[in-house]
C-alpha cells in the first residue's frame, strides 16, 4: 500500500496529539480540525487520510495538520493505530472526521488524563431504554461486566471522543487500537485507570452516518471485535475468564 511522506509538524514537543482518521470527509473536516486545534495551545493534529478522493487531503494540509496519506482505505479504526504510532504528545485524543465536536466538549477528556486517568471514555452507552436493544450496545455492557467494570455501563473505546495517556499507549500498544474493544480490555486487565468522563451524544451528532449504517450495518464487525476481546481475556486468564468455578468437582465425572 502506497503511503506519502508525513507533512512536517509545527510542534517540536506537543502535549496533546489529536488523531483523526479521514476517508472522504470534506464536508466537515475543516471544522473538525479547527475545534481540535482549540483543545490546548500545545496540540498537534494528526490526520490519517486513507482512500480519499474528494479533496479531504488538501483540506487537511491547508488546515495545518500533520498529514499521513494512504492511497487505499485502511479499514475500520486502523487509522487510530497509524496516527497513535506517529503521535508525539503525552496525551492522545481520538475523534472522527464526520462529527464536529466543540473544543469545550473535548477538553474534559484531556483534563482527565492530565489529572491521572489513563483512558478517559465518552460516557455514552447508546440507546438502552428500548424493547429491542442494538447488538453493539449489548456487547459493550456485556464486556464491561465480564471485566468486572459494570460501573462503566456501555462506555467503551469503541466510541469517540476518548483520550489515553502515553503510559496507556505504551502498555497496550498502538496496534490494539485498531480493535477498540480489545484495547479497552487490555487497558482494564493491565489495571490502568479507566473512567467515564463526559457524555457526548455521538448517536445524534451525525445523522448521515446513522442513515448509512441502516443499509450497511457495522454491527457484525463491532460485535466480532468484542468477541475477539473476550478471546484475548480468556487467553490471558483461564478458561473461565478469571471467574470462580465454585465447589464443582469436575474430576468426578471425567
C-alpha atoms as a PDB file:
ATOM      1  CA  UNK A   1       0.000   0.000   0.000  1.00  0.00           C
ATOM      2  CA  UNK A   2       1.469   3.337  -1.029  1.00  0.00           C
ATOM      3  CA  UNK A   3       1.967   5.975   1.626  1.00  0.00           C
ATOM      4  CA  UNK A   4       3.234   9.517   1.117  1.00  0.00           C
ATOM      5  CA  UNK A   5       5.755  11.316   3.300  1.00  0.00           C
ATOM      6  CA  UNK A   6       4.500  12.757   6.560  1.00  0.00           C
ATOM      7  CA  UNK A   7       3.908  16.507   6.425  1.00  0.00           C
ATOM      8  CA  UNK A   8       6.073  18.428   8.847  1.00  0.00           C
ATOM      9  CA  UNK A   9       4.693  19.104  12.315  1.00  0.00           C
ATOM     10  CA  UNK A  10       4.546  22.702  13.573  1.00  0.00           C
ATOM     11  CA  UNK A  11       5.240  21.463  17.148  1.00  0.00           C
ATOM     12  CA  UNK A  12       8.547  20.040  18.314  1.00  0.00           C
ATOM     13  CA  UNK A  13       7.108  18.563  21.524  1.00  0.00           C
ATOM     14  CA  UNK A  14       3.314  18.848  21.731  1.00  0.00           C
ATOM     15  CA  UNK A  15       1.461  17.945  24.887  1.00  0.00           C
ATOM     16  CA  UNK A  16      -1.659  16.775  23.024  1.00  0.00           C
ATOM     17  CA  UNK A  17      -1.941  14.710  19.849  1.00  0.00           C
ATOM     18  CA  UNK A  18      -5.418  14.726  18.298  1.00  0.00           C
ATOM     19  CA  UNK A  19      -5.808  11.819  15.888  1.00  0.00           C
ATOM     20  CA  UNK A  20      -8.405  11.977  13.118  1.00  0.00           C
ATOM     21  CA  UNK A  21      -8.823   9.164  10.559  1.00  0.00           C
ATOM     22  CA  UNK A  22     -10.305  10.520   7.310  1.00  0.00           C
ATOM     23  CA  UNK A  23     -11.884   8.977   4.247  1.00  0.00           C
ATOM     24  CA  UNK A  24     -13.871  11.396   2.070  1.00  0.00           C
ATOM     25  CA  UNK A  25     -14.969  13.808   4.810  1.00  0.00           C
ATOM     26  CA  UNK A  26     -14.564  17.170   3.079  1.00  0.00           C
ATOM     27  CA  UNK A  27     -17.977  18.367   4.320  1.00  0.00           C
ATOM     28  CA  UNK A  28     -16.897  18.519   7.967  1.00  0.00           C
ATOM     29  CA  UNK A  29     -13.114  18.106   8.052  1.00  0.00           C
ATOM     30  CA  UNK A  30     -12.015  21.746   8.243  1.00  0.00           C
ATOM     31  CA  UNK A  31     -14.369  22.406  11.166  1.00  0.00           C
ATOM     32  CA  UNK A  32     -13.264  19.229  12.958  1.00  0.00           C
ATOM     33  CA  UNK A  33      -9.596  20.240  12.667  1.00  0.00           C
ATOM     34  CA  UNK A  34     -10.362  23.785  13.806  1.00  0.00           C
ATOM     35  CA  UNK A  35     -12.019  22.545  17.003  1.00  0.00           C
ATOM     36  CA  UNK A  36      -9.204  20.049  17.601  1.00  0.00           C
ATOM     37  CA  UNK A  37      -6.614  22.834  17.481  1.00  0.00           C
ATOM     38  CA  UNK A  38      -8.545  24.770  20.109  1.00  0.00           C
ATOM     39  CA  UNK A  39      -8.297  21.996  22.692  1.00  0.00           C
ATOM     40  CA  UNK A  40      -4.902  23.163  24.009  1.00  0.00           C
ATOM     41  CA  UNK A  41      -2.143  25.556  22.858  1.00  0.00           C
ATOM     42  CA  UNK A  42       0.315  22.654  22.680  1.00  0.00           C
ATOM     43  CA  UNK A  43      -1.678  20.495  20.287  1.00  0.00           C
ATOM     44  CA  UNK A  44      -0.659  18.660  17.159  1.00  0.00           C
ATOM     45  CA  UNK A  45      -3.447  17.442  14.891  1.00  0.00           C
ATOM     46  CA  UNK A  46      -2.681  14.223  13.014  1.00  0.00           C
ATOM     47  CA  UNK A  47      -4.964  13.497  10.081  1.00  0.00           C
ATOM     48  CA  UNK A  48      -4.757   9.990   8.641  1.00  0.00           C
ATOM     49  CA  UNK A  49      -6.111  10.347   5.101  1.00  0.00           C
ATOM     50  CA  UNK A  50      -6.838   6.934   3.628  1.00  0.00           C
ATOM     51  CA  UNK A  51      -8.611   6.064   0.388  1.00  0.00           C
ATOM     52  CA  UNK A  52      -9.877   9.629  -0.061  1.00  0.00           C
ATOM     53  CA  UNK A  53     -10.744  11.113  -3.437  1.00  0.00           C
ATOM     54  CA  UNK A  54     -12.932  14.095  -2.520  1.00  0.00           C
ATOM     55  CA  UNK A  55     -10.329  16.731  -1.668  1.00  0.00           C
ATOM     56  CA  UNK A  56     -10.035  15.866   2.032  1.00  0.00           C
ATOM     57  CA  UNK A  57      -6.250  15.649   1.674  1.00  0.00           C
ATOM     58  CA  UNK A  58      -5.900  19.250   0.521  1.00  0.00           C
ATOM     59  CA  UNK A  59      -8.262  20.473   3.237  1.00  0.00           C
ATOM     60  CA  UNK A  60      -6.161  18.725   5.882  1.00  0.00           C
ATOM     61  CA  UNK A  61      -2.961  20.266   4.529  1.00  0.00           C
ATOM     62  CA  UNK A  62      -4.491  23.720   4.218  1.00  0.00           C
ATOM     63  CA  UNK A  63      -5.649  23.451   7.834  1.00  0.00           C
ATOM     64  CA  UNK A  64      -2.093  22.952   9.068  1.00  0.00           C
ATOM     65  CA  UNK A  65      -2.414  19.395  10.306  1.00  0.00           C
ATOM     66  CA  UNK A  66       0.258  16.728  10.216  1.00  0.00           C
ATOM     67  CA  UNK A  67      -0.973  14.501   7.425  1.00  0.00           C
ATOM     68  CA  UNK A  68      -0.380  10.798   6.848  1.00  0.00           C
ATOM     69  CA  UNK A  69      -1.581   9.670   3.435  1.00  0.00           C
ATOM     70  CA  UNK A  70      -2.530   6.196   2.260  1.00  0.00           C
ATOM     71  CA  UNK A  71      -3.879   5.650  -1.239  1.00  0.00           C
ATOM     72  CA  UNK A  72      -6.243   2.842  -0.175  1.00  0.00           C
ATOM     73  CA  UNK A  73      -8.724   2.562   2.709  1.00  0.00           C
ATOM     74  CA  UNK A  74      -7.104   1.224   5.870  1.00  0.00           C
ATOM     75  CA  UNK A  75     -10.268  -0.353   7.210  1.00  0.00           C
ATOM     76  CA  UNK A  76     -12.312   0.316  10.326  1.00  0.00           C
ATOM     77  CA  UNK A  77     -10.302   2.004  13.140  1.00  0.00           C
ATOM     78  CA  UNK A  78      -6.861   1.180  11.698  1.00  0.00           C
ATOM     79  CA  UNK A  79      -6.286   4.905  11.235  1.00  0.00           C
ATOM     80  CA  UNK A  80      -6.280   5.237  15.022  1.00  0.00           C
ATOM     81  CA  UNK A  81      -3.333   2.842  15.283  1.00  0.00           C
ATOM     82  CA  UNK A  82      -1.445   4.561  12.492  1.00  0.00           C
ATOM     83  CA  UNK A  83      -1.941   8.004  13.997  1.00  0.00           C
ATOM     84  CA  UNK A  84      -1.040   6.841  17.503  1.00  0.00           C
ATOM     85  CA  UNK A  85       2.168   5.293  16.246  1.00  0.00           C
ATOM     86  CA  UNK A  86       3.260   8.679  14.855  1.00  0.00           C
ATOM     87  CA  UNK A  87       1.971  10.806  17.748  1.00  0.00           C
ATOM     88  CA  UNK A  88       4.412  12.893  19.768  1.00  0.00           C
ATOM     89  CA  UNK A  89       2.071  14.038  22.523  1.00  0.00           C
ATOM     90  CA  UNK A  90       1.831  12.802  26.082  1.00  0.00           C
ATOM     91  CA  UNK A  91      -1.958  12.680  25.733  1.00  0.00           C
ATOM     92  CA  UNK A  92      -3.682  11.201  22.677  1.00  0.00           C
ATOM     93  CA  UNK A  93      -7.226  12.290  21.852  1.00  0.00           C
ATOM     94  CA  UNK A  94      -9.216  10.337  19.257  1.00  0.00           C
ATOM     95  CA  UNK A  95     -12.062  11.870  17.275  1.00  0.00           C
ATOM     96  CA  UNK A  96     -13.815  11.195  13.962  1.00  0.00           C
ATOM     97  CA  UNK A  97     -13.755  13.434  10.910  1.00  0.00           C
ATOM     98  CA  UNK A  98     -17.504  13.335  10.307  1.00  0.00           C
ATOM     99  CA  UNK A  99     -18.536  14.738  13.710  1.00  0.00           C
ATOM    100  CA  UNK A 100     -17.909  18.364  14.623  1.00  0.00           C
ATOM    101  CA  UNK A 101     -17.471  18.351  18.398  1.00  0.00           C
ATOM    102  CA  UNK A 102     -16.726  21.738  20.015  1.00  0.00           C
ATOM    103  CA  UNK A 103     -13.362  22.062  21.744  1.00  0.00           C
ATOM    104  CA  UNK A 104     -15.178  22.778  25.001  1.00  0.00           C
ATOM    105  CA  UNK A 105     -16.572  19.216  24.894  1.00  0.00           C
ATOM    106  CA  UNK A 106     -13.186  17.716  24.042  1.00  0.00           C
ATOM    107  CA  UNK A 107     -11.131  19.391  26.778  1.00  0.00           C
ATOM    108  CA  UNK A 108     -12.609  17.340  29.677  1.00  0.00           C
ATOM    109  CA  UNK A 109     -11.080  14.185  28.194  1.00  0.00           C
ATOM    110  CA  UNK A 110      -7.660  15.821  28.038  1.00  0.00           C
ATOM    111  CA  UNK A 111      -8.052  17.278  31.532  1.00  0.00           C
ATOM    112  CA  UNK A 112      -8.955  13.857  32.932  1.00  0.00           C
ATOM    113  CA  UNK A 113      -5.736  12.354  31.578  1.00  0.00           C
ATOM    114  CA  UNK A 114      -3.752  15.320  32.911  1.00  0.00           C
ATOM    115  CA  UNK A 115      -5.203  14.514  36.324  1.00  0.00           C
ATOM    116  CA  UNK A 116      -4.200  10.850  36.329  1.00  0.00           C
ATOM    117  CA  UNK A 117      -6.724   8.951  34.213  1.00  0.00           C
ATOM    118  CA  UNK A 118      -5.107   6.629  31.673  1.00  0.00           C
ATOM    119  CA  UNK A 119      -8.184   6.044  29.496  1.00  0.00           C
ATOM    120  CA  UNK A 120     -10.820   8.785  29.500  1.00  0.00           C
ATOM    121  CA  UNK A 121     -14.034   7.474  27.954  1.00  0.00           C
ATOM    122  CA  UNK A 122     -17.089   9.101  26.456  1.00  0.00           C
ATOM    123  CA  UNK A 123     -19.876   8.450  28.954  1.00  0.00           C
ATOM    124  CA  UNK A 124     -22.095   7.215  26.142  1.00  0.00           C
ATOM    125  CA  UNK A 125     -23.844   3.856  26.425  1.00  0.00           C
ATOM    126  CA  UNK A 126     -26.070   4.097  23.366  1.00  0.00           C
ATOM    127  CA  UNK A 127     -29.865   3.726  23.438  1.00  0.00           C
ATOM    128  CA  UNK A 128     -30.813   1.317  26.217  1.00  0.00           C
ATOM    129  CA  UNK A 129     -34.446   2.169  27.000  1.00  0.00           C
ATOM    130  CA  UNK A 130     -35.799   0.137  24.117  1.00  0.00           C
ATOM    131  CA  UNK A 131     -37.623  -3.149  23.827  1.00  0.00           C
ATOM    132  CA  UNK A 132     -35.060  -4.394  21.322  1.00  0.00           C
ATOM    133  CA  UNK A 133     -31.535  -3.241  22.174  1.00  0.00           C
ATOM    134  CA  UNK A 134     -28.862  -2.983  19.480  1.00  0.00           C
ATOM    135  CA  UNK A 135     -26.284  -5.773  19.481  1.00  0.00           C
ATOM    136  CA  UNK A 136     -23.372  -3.355  19.888  1.00  0.00           C
ATOM    137  CA  UNK A 137     -24.970  -1.821  22.990  1.00  0.00           C
ATOM    138  CA  UNK A 138     -25.415  -5.299  24.473  1.00  0.00           C
ATOM    139  CA  UNK A 139     -21.847  -6.269  23.591  1.00  0.00           C
ATOM    140  CA  UNK A 140     -20.372  -3.212  25.296  1.00  0.00           C
ATOM    141  CA  UNK A 141     -22.333  -3.776  28.503  1.00  0.00           C
ATOM    142  CA  UNK A 142     -21.512  -7.494  28.491  1.00  0.00           C
ATOM    143  CA  UNK A 143     -17.789  -6.912  28.014  1.00  0.00           C
ATOM    144  CA  UNK A 144     -17.633  -4.404  30.862  1.00  0.00           C
ATOM    145  CA  UNK A 145     -19.476  -6.872  33.080  1.00  0.00           C
ATOM    146  CA  UNK A 146     -17.001  -9.635  32.209  1.00  0.00           C
ATOM    147  CA  UNK A 147     -14.177  -7.232  33.067  1.00  0.00           C
ATOM    148  CA  UNK A 148     -15.797  -6.572  36.467  1.00  0.00           C
ATOM    149  CA  UNK A 149     -16.371  -2.961  35.409  1.00  0.00           C
ATOM    150  CA  UNK A 150     -20.148  -2.760  35.304  1.00  0.00           C
ATOM    151  CA  UNK A 151     -19.740   0.801  36.572  1.00  0.00           C
ATOM    152  CA  UNK A 152     -18.673   1.737  33.034  1.00  0.00           C
ATOM    153  CA  UNK A 153     -22.072   0.565  31.738  1.00  0.00           C
ATOM    154  CA  UNK A 154     -21.766   0.834  27.930  1.00  0.00           C
ATOM    155  CA  UNK A 155     -18.841   3.256  27.858  1.00  0.00           C
ATOM    156  CA  UNK A 156     -16.069   1.929  25.674  1.00  0.00           C
ATOM    157  CA  UNK A 157     -13.127   2.836  23.477  1.00  0.00           C
ATOM    158  CA  UNK A 158     -15.446   1.989  20.598  1.00  0.00           C
ATOM    159  CA  UNK A 159     -16.983   5.462  20.940  1.00  0.00           C
ATOM    160  CA  UNK A 160     -15.249   8.775  20.331  1.00  0.00           C
ATOM    161  CA  UNK A 161     -14.179  11.065  21.748  1.00  0.00           C
ATOM    162  CA  UNK A 162     -11.805   9.363  24.111  1.00  0.00           C
ATOM    163  CA  UNK A 163      -8.268  10.094  25.273  1.00  0.00           C
ATOM    164  CA  UNK A 164      -5.401   7.975  26.529  1.00  0.00           C
ATOM    165  CA  UNK A 165      -2.134   8.667  28.296  1.00  0.00           C
ATOM    166  CA  UNK A 166       1.285   7.935  26.862  1.00  0.00           C
ATOM    167  CA  UNK A 167       1.549   5.269  29.593  1.00  0.00           C
ATOM    168  CA  UNK A 168      -1.620   3.602  28.282  1.00  0.00           C
ATOM    169  CA  UNK A 169      -0.305   3.647  24.713  1.00  0.00           C
ATOM    170  CA  UNK A 170       2.950   2.031  25.770  1.00  0.00           C
ATOM    171  CA  UNK A 171       1.101  -0.565  27.856  1.00  0.00           C
ATOM    172  CA  UNK A 172      -1.467  -1.759  25.316  1.00  0.00           C
ATOM    173  CA  UNK A 173       0.437  -0.888  22.115  1.00  0.00           C
ATOM    174  CA  UNK A 174      -0.702   1.131  19.117  1.00  0.00           C
ATOM    175  CA  UNK A 175      -1.751  -1.980  17.175  1.00  0.00           C
ATOM    176  CA  UNK A 176      -4.519  -2.795  19.678  1.00  0.00           C
ATOM    177  CA  UNK A 177      -6.277   0.487  18.870  1.00  0.00           C
ATOM    178  CA  UNK A 178      -7.395  -0.985  15.534  1.00  0.00           C
ATOM    179  CA  UNK A 179      -9.804  -3.160  17.557  1.00  0.00           C
ATOM    180  CA  UNK A 180     -11.173  -0.753  20.190  1.00  0.00           C
ATOM    181  CA  UNK A 181     -12.828  -3.385  22.462  1.00  0.00           C
ATOM    182  CA  UNK A 182      -9.511  -5.255  22.537  1.00  0.00           C
ATOM    183  CA  UNK A 183      -7.646  -2.083  23.528  1.00  0.00           C
ATOM    184  CA  UNK A 184     -10.326  -1.440  26.149  1.00  0.00           C
ATOM    185  CA  UNK A 185      -9.939  -4.958  27.571  1.00  0.00           C
ATOM    186  CA  UNK A 186      -6.150  -4.783  27.615  1.00  0.00           C
ATOM    187  CA  UNK A 187      -6.253  -1.446  29.442  1.00  0.00           C
ATOM    188  CA  UNK A 188      -8.568  -2.712  32.182  1.00  0.00           C
ATOM    189  CA  UNK A 189      -6.752  -6.035  32.510  1.00  0.00           C
ATOM    190  CA  UNK A 190      -3.477  -4.093  32.883  1.00  0.00           C
ATOM    191  CA  UNK A 191      -5.049  -2.148  35.781  1.00  0.00           C
ATOM    192  CA  UNK A 192      -4.795   1.186  34.030  1.00  0.00           C
ATOM    193  CA  UNK A 193      -7.114   3.908  35.306  1.00  0.00           C
ATOM    194  CA  UNK A 194     -10.155   3.734  33.017  1.00  0.00           C
ATOM    195  CA  UNK A 195     -13.024   6.150  33.699  1.00  0.00           C
ATOM    196  CA  UNK A 196     -16.177   7.594  32.188  1.00  0.00           C
ATOM    197  CA  UNK A 197     -15.530  11.310  31.825  1.00  0.00           C
ATOM    198  CA  UNK A 198     -18.171  13.210  29.894  1.00  0.00           C
ATOM    199  CA  UNK A 199     -21.309  12.400  27.930  1.00  0.00           C
ATOM    200  CA  UNK A 200     -21.111  13.317  24.239  1.00  0.00           C
ATOM    201  CA  UNK A 201     -24.146  12.052  22.350  1.00  0.00           C
ATOM    202  CA  UNK A 202     -22.419  10.836  19.210  1.00  0.00           C
ATOM    203  CA  UNK A 203     -25.572   8.994  18.230  1.00  0.00           C
ATOM    204  CA  UNK A 204     -27.217  12.292  17.248  1.00  0.00           C
ATOM    205  CA  UNK A 205     -24.163  14.195  16.017  1.00  0.00           C
ATOM    206  CA  UNK A 206     -24.047  12.580  12.597  1.00  0.00           C
ATOM    207  CA  UNK A 207     -27.445  11.727  11.113  1.00  0.00           C
ATOM    208  CA  UNK A 208     -25.814  10.904   7.745  1.00  0.00           C
ATOM    209  CA  UNK A 209     -23.779   8.129   9.375  1.00  0.00           C
ATOM    210  CA  UNK A 210     -26.858   6.842  11.180  1.00  0.00           C
ATOM    211  CA  UNK A 211     -28.795   6.582   7.917  1.00  0.00           C
ATOM    212  CA  UNK A 212     -25.847   4.979   6.132  1.00  0.00           C
ATOM    213  CA  UNK A 213     -25.482   2.298   8.783  1.00  0.00           C
ATOM    214  CA  UNK A 214     -29.122   1.289   8.400  1.00  0.00           C
ATOM    215  CA  UNK A 215     -28.151  -0.090   4.984  1.00  0.00           C
ATOM    216  CA  UNK A 216     -24.569  -1.155   5.754  1.00  0.00           C
ATOM    217  CA  UNK A 217     -24.591  -2.066   9.430  1.00  0.00           C
ATOM    218  CA  UNK A 218     -21.317  -2.279  11.313  1.00  0.00           C
ATOM    219  CA  UNK A 219     -22.992  -4.395  13.997  1.00  0.00           C
ATOM    220  CA  UNK A 220     -21.438  -7.734  12.901  1.00  0.00           C
ATOM    221  CA  UNK A 221     -17.977  -6.163  12.731  1.00  0.00           C
ATOM    222  CA  UNK A 222     -18.185  -4.475  16.143  1.00  0.00           C
ATOM    223  CA  UNK A 223     -19.763  -7.470  17.882  1.00  0.00           C
ATOM    224  CA  UNK A 224     -16.945  -9.559  16.384  1.00  0.00           C
ATOM    225  CA  UNK A 225     -14.444  -7.081  17.839  1.00  0.00           C
ATOM    226  CA  UNK A 226     -15.947  -7.710  21.272  1.00  0.00           C
ATOM    227  CA  UNK A 227     -15.670 -11.468  20.791  1.00  0.00           C
ATOM    228  CA  UNK A 228     -12.007 -11.006  19.872  1.00  0.00           C
ATOM    229  CA  UNK A 229     -11.552  -9.020  23.091  1.00  0.00           C
ATOM    230  CA  UNK A 230     -13.184 -11.803  25.123  1.00  0.00           C
ATOM    231  CA  UNK A 231     -10.957 -14.385  23.457  1.00  0.00           C
ATOM    232  CA  UNK A 232      -7.917 -12.312  24.461  1.00  0.00           C
ATOM    233  CA  UNK A 233      -9.190 -12.059  28.031  1.00  0.00           C
ATOM    234  CA  UNK A 234      -9.674 -15.831  28.300  1.00  0.00           C
ATOM    235  CA  UNK A 235      -6.227 -16.488  26.843  1.00  0.00           C
ATOM    236  CA  UNK A 236      -4.678 -14.180  29.441  1.00  0.00           C
ATOM    237  CA  UNK A 237      -6.613 -15.538  32.431  1.00  0.00           C
ATOM    238  CA  UNK A 238      -8.133 -19.030  32.286  1.00  0.00           C
ATOM    239  CA  UNK A 239     -10.974 -20.898  30.593  1.00  0.00           C
ATOM    240  CA  UNK A 240     -13.495 -19.008  32.729  1.00  0.00           C
ATOM    241  CA  UNK A 241     -12.007 -15.557  32.232  1.00  0.00           C
ATOM    242  CA  UNK A 242     -10.892 -15.408  35.842  1.00  0.00           C
ATOM    243  CA  UNK A 243     -14.314 -16.269  37.284  1.00  0.00           C
ATOM    244  CA  UNK A 244     -14.550 -18.883  40.051  1.00  0.00           C
ATOM    245  CA  UNK A 245     -15.837 -22.415  39.406  1.00  0.00           C
ATOM    246  CA  UNK A 246     -17.300 -22.765  42.875  1.00  0.00           C
ATOM    247  CA  UNK A 247     -17.150 -26.166  44.575  1.00  0.00           C
ATOM    248  CA  UNK A 248     -17.804 -28.092  41.369  1.00  0.00           C
ATOM    249  CA  UNK A 249     -15.878 -31.411  41.475  1.00  0.00           C
ATOM    250  CA  UNK A 250     -15.449 -31.913  37.735  1.00  0.00           C
ATOM    251  CA  UNK A 251     -12.842 -34.612  38.133  1.00  0.00           C
ATOM    252  CA  UNK A 252     -15.541 -36.951  39.487  1.00  0.00           C
ATOM    253  CA  UNK A 253     -17.151 -37.324  36.061  1.00  0.00           C
ATOM    254  CA  UNK A 254     -14.100 -37.409  33.852  1.00  0.00           C
END
